[in-house]
N, C-alpha and C. Protein backbone atom coordinates (compact mmCIF):
# COMPACT_ATOMS: atom_id res chain seq x y z
N MET A 1 108.11 103.84 81.09
CA MET A 1 107.38 104.87 81.79
C MET A 1 106.17 104.23 82.55
N ALA A 2 105.99 104.70 83.74
CA ALA A 2 104.91 104.21 84.54
C ALA A 2 103.94 105.44 84.75
N LYS A 3 102.68 105.19 84.61
CA LYS A 3 101.64 106.16 84.86
C LYS A 3 101.12 106.01 86.30
N LEU A 4 101.10 107.13 87.01
CA LEU A 4 100.61 107.16 88.33
C LEU A 4 99.67 108.27 88.59
N ASN A 5 98.75 108.08 89.54
CA ASN A 5 97.89 109.18 90.00
C ASN A 5 98.17 109.30 91.50
N VAL A 6 99.00 110.32 91.84
CA VAL A 6 99.41 110.50 93.19
C VAL A 6 98.86 111.82 93.75
N ASN A 7 98.15 111.70 94.85
CA ASN A 7 97.53 112.88 95.49
C ASN A 7 96.78 113.72 94.48
N GLY A 8 96.04 113.01 93.63
CA GLY A 8 95.16 113.74 92.72
C GLY A 8 95.83 114.22 91.38
N GLN A 9 97.12 114.03 91.26
CA GLN A 9 97.85 114.45 90.04
C GLN A 9 98.28 113.21 89.20
N GLU A 10 97.95 113.32 87.93
CA GLU A 10 98.43 112.21 87.05
C GLU A 10 99.82 112.55 86.56
N MET A 11 100.64 111.59 86.55
CA MET A 11 101.99 111.80 86.11
C MET A 11 102.57 110.55 85.52
N GLU A 12 103.76 110.73 84.88
CA GLU A 12 104.49 109.56 84.32
C GLU A 12 105.89 109.67 84.88
N VAL A 13 106.44 108.59 85.24
CA VAL A 13 107.78 108.45 85.73
C VAL A 13 108.56 107.42 85.02
N ALA A 14 109.79 107.62 84.78
CA ALA A 14 110.69 106.62 84.12
C ALA A 14 111.35 105.79 85.25
N VAL A 15 110.94 104.46 85.32
CA VAL A 15 111.44 103.60 86.29
C VAL A 15 111.67 102.23 85.74
N GLU A 16 112.61 101.49 86.29
CA GLU A 16 112.85 100.08 85.90
C GLU A 16 111.76 99.25 86.41
N ASP A 17 111.45 98.13 85.75
CA ASP A 17 110.49 97.15 86.21
C ASP A 17 110.96 96.68 87.65
N GLY A 18 109.92 96.59 88.58
CA GLY A 18 110.28 96.10 89.86
C GLY A 18 110.62 97.18 90.83
N THR A 19 110.77 98.44 90.40
CA THR A 19 111.10 99.48 91.39
C THR A 19 109.90 99.66 92.33
N PRO A 20 110.25 99.64 93.70
CA PRO A 20 109.11 99.81 94.63
C PRO A 20 108.58 101.28 94.57
N LEU A 21 107.24 101.32 94.82
CA LEU A 21 106.58 102.59 94.76
C LEU A 21 107.24 103.52 95.78
N LEU A 22 107.63 103.04 96.92
CA LEU A 22 108.28 103.94 97.95
C LEU A 22 109.42 104.76 97.34
N TRP A 23 110.27 104.05 96.54
CA TRP A 23 111.43 104.73 96.01
C TRP A 23 111.03 105.79 95.01
N VAL A 24 109.97 105.51 94.24
CA VAL A 24 109.47 106.52 93.26
C VAL A 24 108.89 107.78 94.02
N LEU A 25 108.11 107.42 95.02
CA LEU A 25 107.53 108.56 95.82
C LEU A 25 108.65 109.43 96.40
N ARG A 26 109.62 108.84 97.07
CA ARG A 26 110.65 109.51 97.81
C ARG A 26 111.72 110.18 96.87
N GLU A 27 112.21 109.39 95.91
CA GLU A 27 113.38 109.89 95.15
C GLU A 27 113.04 110.61 93.87
N GLN A 28 111.88 110.23 93.23
CA GLN A 28 111.51 110.95 91.98
C GLN A 28 110.45 111.95 92.15
N LEU A 29 109.58 111.82 93.08
CA LEU A 29 108.46 112.77 93.33
C LEU A 29 108.67 113.66 94.52
N ASP A 30 109.73 113.40 95.28
CA ASP A 30 110.11 114.21 96.46
C ASP A 30 108.95 114.23 97.53
N LEU A 31 108.28 113.10 97.59
CA LEU A 31 107.27 113.02 98.67
C LEU A 31 107.88 112.03 99.71
N THR A 32 108.48 112.66 100.68
CA THR A 32 109.31 111.92 101.65
C THR A 32 108.59 111.60 102.97
N GLY A 33 107.31 111.74 103.01
CA GLY A 33 106.50 111.41 104.19
C GLY A 33 106.57 109.91 104.49
N ALA A 34 106.41 109.08 103.51
CA ALA A 34 106.47 107.63 103.60
C ALA A 34 107.90 107.35 103.87
N LYS A 35 108.19 106.55 104.95
CA LYS A 35 109.56 106.28 105.32
C LYS A 35 109.99 104.81 104.97
N TYR A 36 111.28 104.65 104.78
CA TYR A 36 111.85 103.32 104.64
C TYR A 36 112.15 102.84 106.00
N GLY A 37 111.62 101.68 106.41
CA GLY A 37 111.87 101.02 107.68
C GLY A 37 112.50 99.77 107.51
N CYS A 38 111.83 98.73 107.03
CA CYS A 38 112.34 97.40 106.95
C CYS A 38 112.58 96.86 105.55
N GLY A 39 111.76 97.40 104.58
CA GLY A 39 111.90 96.91 103.20
C GLY A 39 111.23 95.62 102.93
N VAL A 40 110.52 95.07 103.94
CA VAL A 40 109.89 93.79 103.68
C VAL A 40 108.36 93.80 104.14
N ALA A 41 107.78 94.95 104.19
CA ALA A 41 106.39 95.16 104.47
C ALA A 41 106.01 94.77 105.86
N GLN A 42 106.86 94.78 106.82
CA GLN A 42 106.58 94.42 108.24
C GLN A 42 106.30 95.56 109.07
N CYS A 43 107.05 96.67 108.95
CA CYS A 43 106.94 97.78 109.89
C CYS A 43 105.83 98.77 109.66
N GLY A 44 105.56 99.01 108.42
CA GLY A 44 104.52 99.88 108.02
C GLY A 44 104.82 101.38 107.94
N SER A 45 106.11 101.74 108.11
CA SER A 45 106.51 103.09 108.00
C SER A 45 106.28 103.68 106.63
N CYS A 46 106.14 102.87 105.59
CA CYS A 46 105.98 103.21 104.30
C CYS A 46 104.57 103.25 103.78
N THR A 47 103.59 103.11 104.70
CA THR A 47 102.18 102.90 104.36
C THR A 47 101.64 104.14 103.61
N VAL A 48 100.99 103.88 102.49
CA VAL A 48 100.28 104.89 101.71
C VAL A 48 98.87 104.26 101.41
N HIS A 49 97.93 104.97 100.81
CA HIS A 49 96.73 104.43 100.41
C HIS A 49 96.74 104.20 98.89
N ILE A 50 96.26 103.12 98.53
CA ILE A 50 95.99 102.83 97.07
C ILE A 50 94.49 102.46 96.96
N ASP A 51 93.73 103.31 96.23
CA ASP A 51 92.30 103.19 96.22
C ASP A 51 91.65 102.93 97.57
N GLY A 52 92.14 103.75 98.56
CA GLY A 52 91.58 103.68 99.88
C GLY A 52 92.10 102.66 100.84
N GLU A 53 92.93 101.73 100.30
CA GLU A 53 93.47 100.65 101.15
C GLU A 53 94.82 101.05 101.65
N ALA A 54 95.15 100.73 102.87
CA ALA A 54 96.53 100.91 103.35
C ALA A 54 97.40 99.83 102.72
N VAL A 55 98.48 100.28 102.13
CA VAL A 55 99.40 99.44 101.37
C VAL A 55 100.86 99.80 101.77
N ARG A 56 101.69 98.84 101.91
CA ARG A 56 103.11 98.95 102.27
C ARG A 56 103.79 99.19 100.99
N SER A 57 104.21 100.49 100.74
CA SER A 57 104.77 100.84 99.47
C SER A 57 106.15 100.34 99.19
N CYS A 58 106.87 99.80 100.21
CA CYS A 58 108.18 99.31 100.01
C CYS A 58 108.26 98.05 99.21
N VAL A 59 107.11 97.35 99.11
CA VAL A 59 107.11 96.07 98.37
C VAL A 59 106.14 96.09 97.22
N MET A 60 105.55 97.31 96.91
CA MET A 60 104.61 97.40 95.80
C MET A 60 105.43 97.92 94.60
N PRO A 61 105.64 96.95 93.61
CA PRO A 61 106.34 97.32 92.45
C PRO A 61 105.51 98.25 91.58
N VAL A 62 106.09 99.38 91.13
CA VAL A 62 105.38 100.39 90.34
C VAL A 62 104.75 99.69 89.09
N ASP A 63 105.47 98.72 88.51
CA ASP A 63 104.92 98.12 87.27
C ASP A 63 103.67 97.25 87.53
N ALA A 64 103.38 97.01 88.79
CA ALA A 64 102.13 96.27 89.12
C ALA A 64 100.93 97.18 89.12
N LEU A 65 101.12 98.49 88.98
CA LEU A 65 100.09 99.48 89.00
C LEU A 65 99.69 99.82 87.55
N THR A 66 98.41 100.04 87.35
CA THR A 66 97.94 100.33 85.95
C THR A 66 97.94 101.80 85.64
N GLY A 67 98.01 102.64 86.69
CA GLY A 67 97.86 104.14 86.45
C GLY A 67 96.43 104.62 86.75
N ASP A 68 95.54 103.62 86.87
CA ASP A 68 94.20 103.99 87.22
C ASP A 68 93.95 104.14 88.70
N GLU A 69 94.85 103.57 89.54
CA GLU A 69 94.74 103.60 90.96
C GLU A 69 94.96 104.97 91.50
N LYS A 70 94.24 105.28 92.56
CA LYS A 70 94.49 106.58 93.23
C LYS A 70 95.39 106.36 94.46
N ILE A 71 96.58 106.84 94.36
CA ILE A 71 97.61 106.75 95.39
C ILE A 71 97.53 108.06 96.26
N VAL A 72 97.39 107.84 97.58
CA VAL A 72 97.46 109.05 98.48
C VAL A 72 98.55 108.84 99.49
N THR A 73 99.42 109.82 99.61
CA THR A 73 100.48 109.77 100.57
C THR A 73 100.05 110.69 101.78
N ILE A 74 100.88 110.65 102.82
CA ILE A 74 100.59 111.56 103.98
C ILE A 74 100.49 113.04 103.49
N GLU A 75 101.29 113.38 102.52
CA GLU A 75 101.20 114.77 101.99
C GLU A 75 99.86 115.07 101.35
N GLY A 76 99.18 114.06 100.89
CA GLY A 76 97.90 114.27 100.25
C GLY A 76 96.68 114.01 101.11
N LEU A 77 96.99 113.52 102.33
CA LEU A 77 95.85 113.17 103.25
C LEU A 77 95.00 114.46 103.53
N SER A 78 95.70 115.49 103.85
CA SER A 78 95.10 116.82 103.97
C SER A 78 96.18 117.89 103.89
N ALA A 79 95.92 118.82 103.20
CA ALA A 79 96.90 119.86 102.89
C ALA A 79 97.37 120.64 104.08
N ASP A 80 96.37 120.77 105.04
CA ASP A 80 96.64 121.66 106.19
C ASP A 80 96.67 120.85 107.54
N GLY A 81 96.75 119.54 107.50
CA GLY A 81 96.77 118.77 108.67
C GLY A 81 95.44 118.65 109.44
N SER A 82 94.35 118.90 108.71
CA SER A 82 93.07 118.91 109.34
C SER A 82 92.30 117.61 109.30
N HIS A 83 92.89 116.60 108.74
CA HIS A 83 92.25 115.28 108.84
C HIS A 83 92.07 114.82 110.31
N PRO A 84 90.94 114.26 110.62
CA PRO A 84 90.71 113.86 112.05
C PRO A 84 91.81 113.06 112.71
N VAL A 85 92.40 112.17 111.93
CA VAL A 85 93.53 111.42 112.57
C VAL A 85 94.72 112.34 112.91
N GLN A 86 95.07 113.23 111.99
CA GLN A 86 96.19 114.14 112.28
C GLN A 86 95.84 115.03 113.42
N GLN A 87 94.62 115.52 113.53
CA GLN A 87 94.19 116.35 114.65
C GLN A 87 94.32 115.62 115.94
N ALA A 88 93.79 114.32 115.95
CA ALA A 88 93.85 113.54 117.18
C ALA A 88 95.27 113.27 117.63
N TRP A 89 96.12 113.02 116.63
CA TRP A 89 97.58 112.77 116.93
C TRP A 89 98.14 113.98 117.59
N ALA A 90 97.93 115.15 117.16
CA ALA A 90 98.39 116.38 117.71
C ALA A 90 97.83 116.68 119.11
N GLU A 91 96.51 116.51 119.26
CA GLU A 91 95.83 116.75 120.49
C GLU A 91 96.30 115.85 121.63
N LEU A 92 96.57 114.55 121.29
CA LEU A 92 96.95 113.55 122.20
C LEU A 92 98.45 113.33 122.35
N ASP A 93 99.19 114.08 121.52
CA ASP A 93 100.65 113.99 121.54
C ASP A 93 101.09 112.52 121.38
N VAL A 94 100.53 111.88 120.31
CA VAL A 94 100.68 110.43 120.06
C VAL A 94 102.16 110.09 119.76
N PRO A 95 102.83 110.82 118.93
CA PRO A 95 104.18 110.29 118.47
C PRO A 95 105.15 110.51 119.65
N GLN A 96 106.20 109.66 119.64
CA GLN A 96 107.37 109.90 120.48
C GLN A 96 108.46 110.32 119.54
N CYS A 97 109.13 109.37 118.90
CA CYS A 97 110.22 109.84 117.98
C CYS A 97 109.55 110.33 116.66
N GLY A 98 108.49 109.67 116.25
CA GLY A 98 107.77 110.17 115.10
C GLY A 98 108.09 109.42 113.81
N TYR A 99 109.13 108.66 113.81
CA TYR A 99 109.55 108.00 112.50
C TYR A 99 108.41 107.17 111.85
N CYS A 100 107.79 106.38 112.64
CA CYS A 100 106.78 105.54 112.11
C CYS A 100 105.39 106.17 111.92
N GLN A 101 105.23 107.37 112.40
CA GLN A 101 103.90 107.90 112.53
C GLN A 101 103.22 108.32 111.26
N THR A 102 103.87 108.63 110.29
CA THR A 102 103.15 108.89 108.98
C THR A 102 102.55 107.59 108.44
N GLY A 103 103.21 106.52 108.55
CA GLY A 103 102.64 105.23 108.20
C GLY A 103 101.47 104.82 109.10
N MET A 104 101.67 105.15 110.37
CA MET A 104 100.59 104.84 111.41
C MET A 104 99.42 105.66 111.08
N ILE A 105 99.55 106.94 110.76
CA ILE A 105 98.36 107.79 110.49
C ILE A 105 97.71 107.31 109.23
N MET A 106 98.44 106.93 108.20
CA MET A 106 97.77 106.43 106.95
C MET A 106 97.04 105.13 107.28
N ALA A 107 97.62 104.25 108.08
CA ALA A 107 96.91 102.99 108.42
C ALA A 107 95.64 103.32 109.17
N ALA A 108 95.70 104.26 110.14
CA ALA A 108 94.55 104.64 110.91
C ALA A 108 93.47 105.23 110.14
N ALA A 109 93.88 106.14 109.17
CA ALA A 109 92.89 106.81 108.31
C ALA A 109 92.14 105.76 107.47
N ALA A 110 92.87 104.83 106.88
CA ALA A 110 92.20 103.70 106.13
C ALA A 110 91.31 102.87 106.99
N LEU A 111 91.76 102.55 108.25
CA LEU A 111 90.87 101.83 109.10
C LEU A 111 89.53 102.54 109.35
N LEU A 112 89.68 103.88 109.68
CA LEU A 112 88.41 104.62 109.98
C LEU A 112 87.53 104.73 108.71
N ASP A 113 88.14 104.76 107.58
CA ASP A 113 87.30 104.83 106.35
C ASP A 113 86.47 103.56 106.14
N GLN A 114 87.09 102.45 106.56
CA GLN A 114 86.35 101.13 106.45
C GLN A 114 85.56 100.77 107.67
N THR A 115 86.00 101.19 108.85
CA THR A 115 85.32 100.88 110.11
C THR A 115 85.25 102.20 110.92
N PRO A 116 84.13 103.01 110.72
CA PRO A 116 84.06 104.32 111.30
C PRO A 116 84.15 104.34 112.83
N ASN A 117 83.77 103.32 113.48
CA ASN A 117 83.78 103.30 114.99
C ASN A 117 84.45 101.98 115.45
N PRO A 118 85.75 101.94 115.25
CA PRO A 118 86.44 100.66 115.50
C PRO A 118 86.48 100.32 117.05
N SER A 119 86.41 99.04 117.30
CA SER A 119 86.65 98.57 118.70
C SER A 119 88.20 98.46 118.92
N ASP A 120 88.59 98.15 120.16
CA ASP A 120 90.04 97.90 120.45
C ASP A 120 90.46 96.71 119.64
N GLU A 121 89.56 95.67 119.50
CA GLU A 121 89.94 94.46 118.77
C GLU A 121 90.10 94.74 117.32
N ASP A 122 89.30 95.60 116.71
CA ASP A 122 89.43 96.10 115.31
C ASP A 122 90.75 96.80 115.10
N ILE A 123 91.04 97.62 116.02
CA ILE A 123 92.42 98.39 115.99
C ILE A 123 93.56 97.35 116.03
N ASN A 124 93.55 96.51 117.00
CA ASN A 124 94.59 95.51 117.18
C ASN A 124 94.69 94.62 115.90
N ASP A 125 93.60 94.24 115.26
CA ASP A 125 93.60 93.46 114.15
C ASP A 125 94.13 94.17 112.89
N GLN A 126 93.77 95.43 112.74
CA GLN A 126 94.01 96.21 111.50
C GLN A 126 95.29 97.04 111.49
N ILE A 127 95.65 97.50 112.65
CA ILE A 127 96.85 98.39 112.77
C ILE A 127 98.05 97.51 113.14
N THR A 128 98.75 96.97 112.08
CA THR A 128 99.83 96.10 112.28
C THR A 128 101.19 96.75 112.15
N ASN A 129 101.13 98.08 112.01
CA ASN A 129 102.37 98.91 111.94
C ASN A 129 103.15 98.69 113.27
N ILE A 130 104.49 98.80 113.15
CA ILE A 130 105.36 98.69 114.35
C ILE A 130 105.84 100.00 114.77
N CYS A 131 105.74 100.32 116.06
CA CYS A 131 106.33 101.57 116.69
C CYS A 131 107.35 101.01 117.71
N ARG A 132 108.59 101.32 117.39
CA ARG A 132 109.70 100.85 118.35
C ARG A 132 109.67 101.61 119.60
N CYS A 133 108.98 102.76 119.64
CA CYS A 133 108.93 103.56 120.90
C CYS A 133 107.79 103.03 121.80
N GLY A 134 106.88 102.19 121.28
CA GLY A 134 105.81 101.65 122.02
C GLY A 134 104.67 102.60 122.31
N THR A 135 104.30 103.36 121.31
CA THR A 135 103.15 104.30 121.45
C THR A 135 101.83 103.70 121.13
N PHE A 136 101.68 102.40 121.19
CA PHE A 136 100.47 101.73 120.80
C PHE A 136 99.23 102.18 121.52
N ASN A 137 99.35 102.31 122.86
CA ASN A 137 98.19 102.76 123.61
C ASN A 137 97.78 104.24 123.22
N ARG A 138 98.72 105.09 122.90
CA ARG A 138 98.38 106.45 122.47
C ARG A 138 97.83 106.37 121.06
N VAL A 139 98.33 105.49 120.24
CA VAL A 139 97.74 105.31 118.85
C VAL A 139 96.28 104.83 119.01
N ARG A 140 95.94 103.92 119.83
CA ARG A 140 94.65 103.45 120.03
C ARG A 140 93.75 104.56 120.52
N ARG A 141 94.15 105.34 121.47
CA ARG A 141 93.37 106.52 121.97
C ARG A 141 93.18 107.49 120.79
N GLY A 142 94.20 107.77 119.97
CA GLY A 142 94.14 108.64 118.88
C GLY A 142 93.08 108.17 117.80
N ILE A 143 93.05 106.85 117.62
CA ILE A 143 92.09 106.41 116.64
C ILE A 143 90.64 106.58 117.18
N HIS A 144 90.49 106.25 118.42
CA HIS A 144 89.15 106.48 119.03
C HIS A 144 88.76 107.97 119.03
N ARG A 145 89.72 108.82 119.28
CA ARG A 145 89.41 110.29 119.26
C ARG A 145 88.99 110.71 117.88
N ALA A 146 89.81 110.25 116.87
CA ALA A 146 89.50 110.58 115.43
C ALA A 146 88.17 110.03 115.05
N ALA A 147 87.74 108.85 115.48
CA ALA A 147 86.48 108.29 115.18
C ALA A 147 85.36 109.17 115.74
N GLN A 148 85.52 109.66 116.91
CA GLN A 148 84.53 110.60 117.55
C GLN A 148 84.42 111.88 116.71
N THR A 149 85.54 112.40 116.27
CA THR A 149 85.57 113.65 115.48
C THR A 149 84.87 113.41 114.19
N LYS A 150 85.15 112.29 113.50
CA LYS A 150 84.53 112.08 112.21
C LYS A 150 82.98 111.78 112.28
N ALA A 151 82.58 111.30 113.44
CA ALA A 151 81.16 110.97 113.54
C ALA A 151 80.21 112.07 113.41
């Protein structure tokens, strides 16, 4: 049994050692916002927050977690979509296909928590998620818009 704190709820799940957090979230907890993209932590579609840090959940084994960490998924970022990053994404029509966008939003939210007014260089350095549709310019504008809203 693994103990987890996900979106403010403490729970126990029966999993084998080495099971990636992504599979527990999607298959056992029915939190399907984090997506499977590459499985090797390169694309970022599976990004969640662990203690406020953006983490690629596809390579995070559940048995590496103690149960004290606070895991936040896109479902727990804001119940009503009112987080400044989610609002900016909607206002600027950031997504194209949308597959990567939950991970992109989680990465952007973590960036803004650490760097409230990021420069383009900060965004380029910290947002390493991949968007196959090429929405990077809209993502950058969305992050800047969210930073203004949070200020």
